[in-house]
Amino acid sequence: MKDEVLIEEKPTLAGIEVANPNPLGLTAFALTAFTMSMFSTGLLPESVSNVGLAMGYFFGGAGMLLAGLWAFFTRSTFGATAYCSYGFYFLAYTYYMVEMEKDAENPDKTHVALGVFLLGWTIFTICMTIISYRTFRALFIMFVFLTFDYFFNMVGAWADSKSATKAGGWFGLMAAATALYCAMSIVVTDTWKEEVLPLGHYKA
């Protein structure tokens, strides 16, 4: 159905045309995932990881929640579910990272708990990946990368495997790049009134 598609050219609220919330949600996800994945891959040292926590709270968390709430008003069920869910994920994950540092004396307990946490998000992301196939191809590809990101991070946390976590980080970077491409495509299309960056819309 059309109202299930993430992209809406002219969303309306009470008969008034409103801005598309999708670029905000996608950009918030892209930049937060990029920042956090830089630490997972080892490209940035853990000594400066607090910048990832800040992004998790304020852009990935708050930014995606705002986009998700606005998506509710534009009647985008998929967008509202995705943005609000992953917005809450970033808030919960960031909070847990902060609390886990306080419980550093019990590493076995914390890494297994994180693995269980990420298992739930892996299952949820698989479901969203399947559903996203009926939106547009670029978004579907992003969700495929994101599924592998969650899966490898889940394995890395549960098995305390740095190599698996690193693999998850690389998939996170690919998901971030694809999400930013989707966001910029929507902004360019809305601003220039032509699709310069193709998204591969699903055709029934």
Protein backbone atom coordinates (compact mmCIF):
# COMPACT_ATOMS: atom_id res chain seq x y z
CA MET A 1 0.00 0.00 0.00
CA LYS A 2 1.17 3.54 -0.73
CA ASP A 3 1.00 4.68 2.89
CA GLU A 4 3.49 1.99 3.83
CA VAL A 5 6.18 3.38 1.54
CA LEU A 6 8.89 5.37 3.33
CA ILE A 7 9.10 8.04 0.65
CA GLU A 8 6.20 10.45 0.29
CA GLU A 9 6.68 13.26 -2.22
CA LYS A 10 4.18 15.64 -0.58
CA PRO A 11 3.17 14.50 2.92
CA THR A 12 0.23 16.42 4.35
CA LEU A 13 -1.06 17.21 7.81
CA ALA A 14 -4.66 18.47 8.15
CA GLY A 15 -4.63 19.48 4.50
CA ILE A 16 -1.33 21.39 4.78
CA GLU A 17 1.78 20.23 2.95
CA VAL A 18 4.60 19.48 5.41
CA ALA A 19 8.30 18.73 5.01
CA ASN A 20 9.39 15.13 4.49
CA PRO A 21 10.80 13.75 7.79
CA ASN A 22 12.77 10.96 6.12
CA PRO A 23 16.01 12.86 5.36
CA LEU A 24 16.31 13.86 9.03
CA GLY A 25 15.78 10.31 10.24
CA LEU A 26 18.15 8.80 7.70
CA THR A 27 20.85 11.42 8.31
CA ALA A 28 20.60 11.02 12.09
CA PHE A 29 21.03 7.27 11.67
CA ALA A 30 23.83 7.60 9.12
CA LEU A 31 26.05 9.99 11.08
CA THR A 32 25.51 8.21 14.41
CA ALA A 33 26.15 4.77 12.92
CA PHE A 34 29.22 6.13 11.15
CA THR A 35 30.65 7.58 14.36
CA MET A 36 30.00 4.47 16.44
CA SER A 37 31.26 2.12 13.73
CA MET A 38 34.55 4.00 13.56
CA PHE A 39 35.25 2.68 17.06
CA SER A 40 33.97 -0.84 16.33
CA THR A 41 36.36 -1.15 13.39
CA GLY A 42 39.26 0.20 15.38
CA LEU A 43 39.72 3.20 13.08
CA LEU A 44 39.34 5.49 16.09
CA PRO A 45 40.76 4.77 19.56
CA GLU A 46 38.50 4.01 22.51
CA SER A 47 40.03 6.97 24.36
CA VAL A 48 37.79 9.34 22.37
CA SER A 49 34.69 7.13 22.34
CA ASN A 50 32.65 9.68 24.31
CA VAL A 51 31.92 11.47 21.03
CA GLY A 52 29.97 8.36 19.99
CA LEU A 53 27.96 8.52 23.19
CA ALA A 54 27.08 12.15 22.53
CA MET A 55 25.91 11.29 19.02
CA GLY A 56 23.90 8.38 20.39
CA TYR A 57 22.01 10.58 22.83
CA PHE A 58 21.42 13.72 20.82
CA PHE A 59 21.35 12.87 17.09
CA GLY A 60 20.80 9.15 16.76
CA GLY A 61 18.43 9.10 19.71
CA ALA A 62 16.62 12.45 19.82
CA GLY A 63 16.96 13.15 16.09
CA MET A 64 15.43 9.86 14.99
CA LEU A 65 12.67 10.09 17.58
CA LEU A 66 11.67 13.51 16.24
CA ALA A 67 11.66 12.16 12.67
CA GLY A 68 9.62 9.15 13.80
CA LEU A 69 7.01 11.24 15.57
CA TRP A 70 6.63 13.46 12.50
CA ALA A 71 6.34 10.33 10.33
CA PHE A 72 3.30 9.35 12.40
CA PHE A 73 1.61 12.59 11.37
CA THR A 74 2.42 11.96 7.70
CA ARG A 75 0.87 8.48 8.04
CA SER A 76 4.09 6.66 7.17
CA THR A 77 3.77 3.49 9.25
CA PHE A 78 7.13 2.11 8.13
CA GLY A 79 8.96 5.39 8.73
CA ALA A 80 7.40 5.94 12.15
CA THR A 81 8.21 2.40 13.26
CA ALA A 82 11.79 2.48 11.95
CA TYR A 83 12.79 5.92 13.19
CA CYS A 84 11.21 5.66 16.63
CA SER A 85 12.51 2.12 17.18
CA TYR A 86 16.09 2.86 16.19
CA GLY A 87 15.95 6.20 17.98
CA PHE A 88 15.10 4.36 21.19
CA TYR A 89 17.81 1.83 20.34
CA PHE A 90 20.49 4.50 20.23
CA LEU A 91 19.28 5.95 23.53
CA ALA A 92 19.19 2.52 25.20
CA TYR A 93 22.53 1.40 23.74
CA THR A 94 24.26 4.63 24.73
CA TYR A 95 22.85 4.46 28.25
CA TYR A 96 23.99 0.85 28.57
CA MET A 97 27.50 1.72 27.39
CA VAL A 98 27.74 4.36 30.09
CA GLU A 99 26.44 2.00 32.77
CA MET A 100 28.65 -0.87 31.56
CA GLU A 101 31.74 1.25 32.19
CA LYS A 102 30.65 1.51 35.81
CA ASP A 103 30.35 -2.30 35.98
CA ALA A 104 33.76 -2.99 34.44
CA GLU A 105 34.59 -5.41 37.27
CA ASN A 106 32.05 -7.93 35.86
CA PRO A 107 32.98 -8.23 32.15
CA ASP A 108 31.43 -11.70 31.70
CA LYS A 109 28.04 -10.49 32.87
CA THR A 110 28.05 -7.31 30.79
CA HIS A 111 29.16 -8.72 27.44
CA VAL A 112 26.62 -11.57 27.55
CA ALA A 113 23.85 -9.13 28.48
CA LEU A 114 24.84 -6.93 25.55
CA GLY A 115 24.72 -9.99 23.27
CA VAL A 116 21.15 -10.73 24.37
CA PHE A 117 20.22 -7.08 23.82
CA LEU A 118 21.67 -7.10 20.29
CA LEU A 119 20.02 -10.44 19.47
CA GLY A 120 16.60 -8.83 19.84
CA TRP A 121 17.62 -5.97 17.56
CA THR A 122 19.05 -8.40 15.02
CA ILE A 123 15.69 -10.19 14.81
CA PHE A 124 13.81 -6.90 14.56
CA THR A 125 16.14 -5.67 11.81
CA ILE A 126 15.69 -8.87 9.81
CA CYS A 127 11.93 -8.24 9.89
CA MET A 128 12.38 -4.62 8.81
CA THR A 129 14.75 -5.70 6.03
CA ILE A 130 12.13 -8.02 4.56
CA ILE A 131 9.47 -5.30 4.76
CA SER A 132 11.80 -2.66 3.24
CA TYR A 133 11.99 -4.65 0.01
CA ARG A 134 8.67 -3.07 -0.97
CA THR A 135 9.95 0.51 -0.48
CA PHE A 136 12.99 1.19 -2.64
CA ARG A 137 16.18 -0.71 -3.47
CA ALA A 138 18.67 1.67 -1.84
CA LEU A 139 16.85 1.44 1.49
CA PHE A 140 16.63 -2.34 1.20
CA ILE A 141 20.41 -2.52 0.66
CA MET A 142 20.92 -0.32 3.71
CA PHE A 143 18.84 -2.68 5.84
CA VAL A 144 20.78 -5.69 4.55
CA PHE A 145 24.03 -4.05 5.67
CA LEU A 146 22.40 -3.13 8.98
CA THR A 147 21.29 -6.72 9.56
CA PHE A 148 24.88 -7.94 9.18
CA ASP A 149 26.02 -5.08 11.40
CA TYR A 150 23.72 -6.16 14.23
CA PHE A 151 24.46 -9.85 13.70
CA PHE A 152 28.24 -9.54 13.91
CA ASN A 153 28.07 -7.10 16.80
CA MET A 154 25.75 -9.52 18.59
CA VAL A 155 28.20 -12.40 18.03
CA GLY A 156 31.09 -10.19 19.02
CA ALA A 157 29.44 -9.20 22.28
CA TRP A 158 28.12 -12.64 23.19
CA ALA A 159 31.35 -14.50 22.35
CA ASP A 160 33.56 -11.57 23.39
CA SER A 161 35.10 -11.65 19.90
CA LYS A 162 36.88 -8.52 18.75
CA SER A 163 37.12 -9.80 15.17
CA ALA A 164 33.33 -10.27 14.93
CA THR A 165 32.74 -6.82 16.42
CA LYS A 166 35.18 -5.35 13.92
CA ALA A 167 33.32 -7.05 11.05
CA GLY A 168 30.08 -5.60 12.37
CA GLY A 169 31.69 -2.17 12.39
CA TRP A 170 32.56 -2.40 8.70
CA PHE A 171 28.98 -3.37 7.85
CA GLY A 172 27.87 -0.45 10.02
CA LEU A 173 29.95 1.92 7.92
CA MET A 174 28.38 0.55 4.74
CA ALA A 175 24.88 0.94 6.23
CA ALA A 176 25.72 4.51 7.24
CA ALA A 177 26.98 5.38 3.76
CA THR A 178 23.86 3.92 2.12
CA ALA A 179 21.55 5.73 4.56
CA LEU A 180 23.28 9.05 3.84
CA TYR A 181 22.92 8.39 0.10
CA CYS A 182 19.17 7.83 0.58
CA ALA A 183 18.83 11.01 2.66
CA MET A 184 20.72 13.18 0.17
CA SER A 185 18.76 11.71 -2.74
CA ILE A 186 15.47 12.74 -1.11
CA VAL A 187 16.77 16.25 -0.32
CA VAL A 188 18.15 16.74 -3.84
CA THR A 189 14.93 15.47 -5.42
CA ASP A 190 12.83 17.81 -3.28
CA THR A 191 15.12 20.80 -3.87
CA TRP A 192 15.98 20.36 -7.54
CA LYS A 193 12.60 18.82 -8.48
CA GLU A 194 14.26 15.91 -10.27
CA GLU A 195 15.73 12.58 -9.21
CA VAL A 196 19.48 13.02 -9.64
CA LEU A 197 20.44 10.20 -7.29
CA PRO A 198 18.24 7.18 -8.13
CA LEU A 199 16.77 5.18 -5.27
CA GLY A 200 15.23 2.32 -7.24
CA HIS A 201 11.61 2.62 -6.21
CA TYR A 202 9.60 -0.57 -5.94
CA LYS A 203 7.14 -1.06 -8.79
CA ALA A 204 4.14 -3.27 -8.07
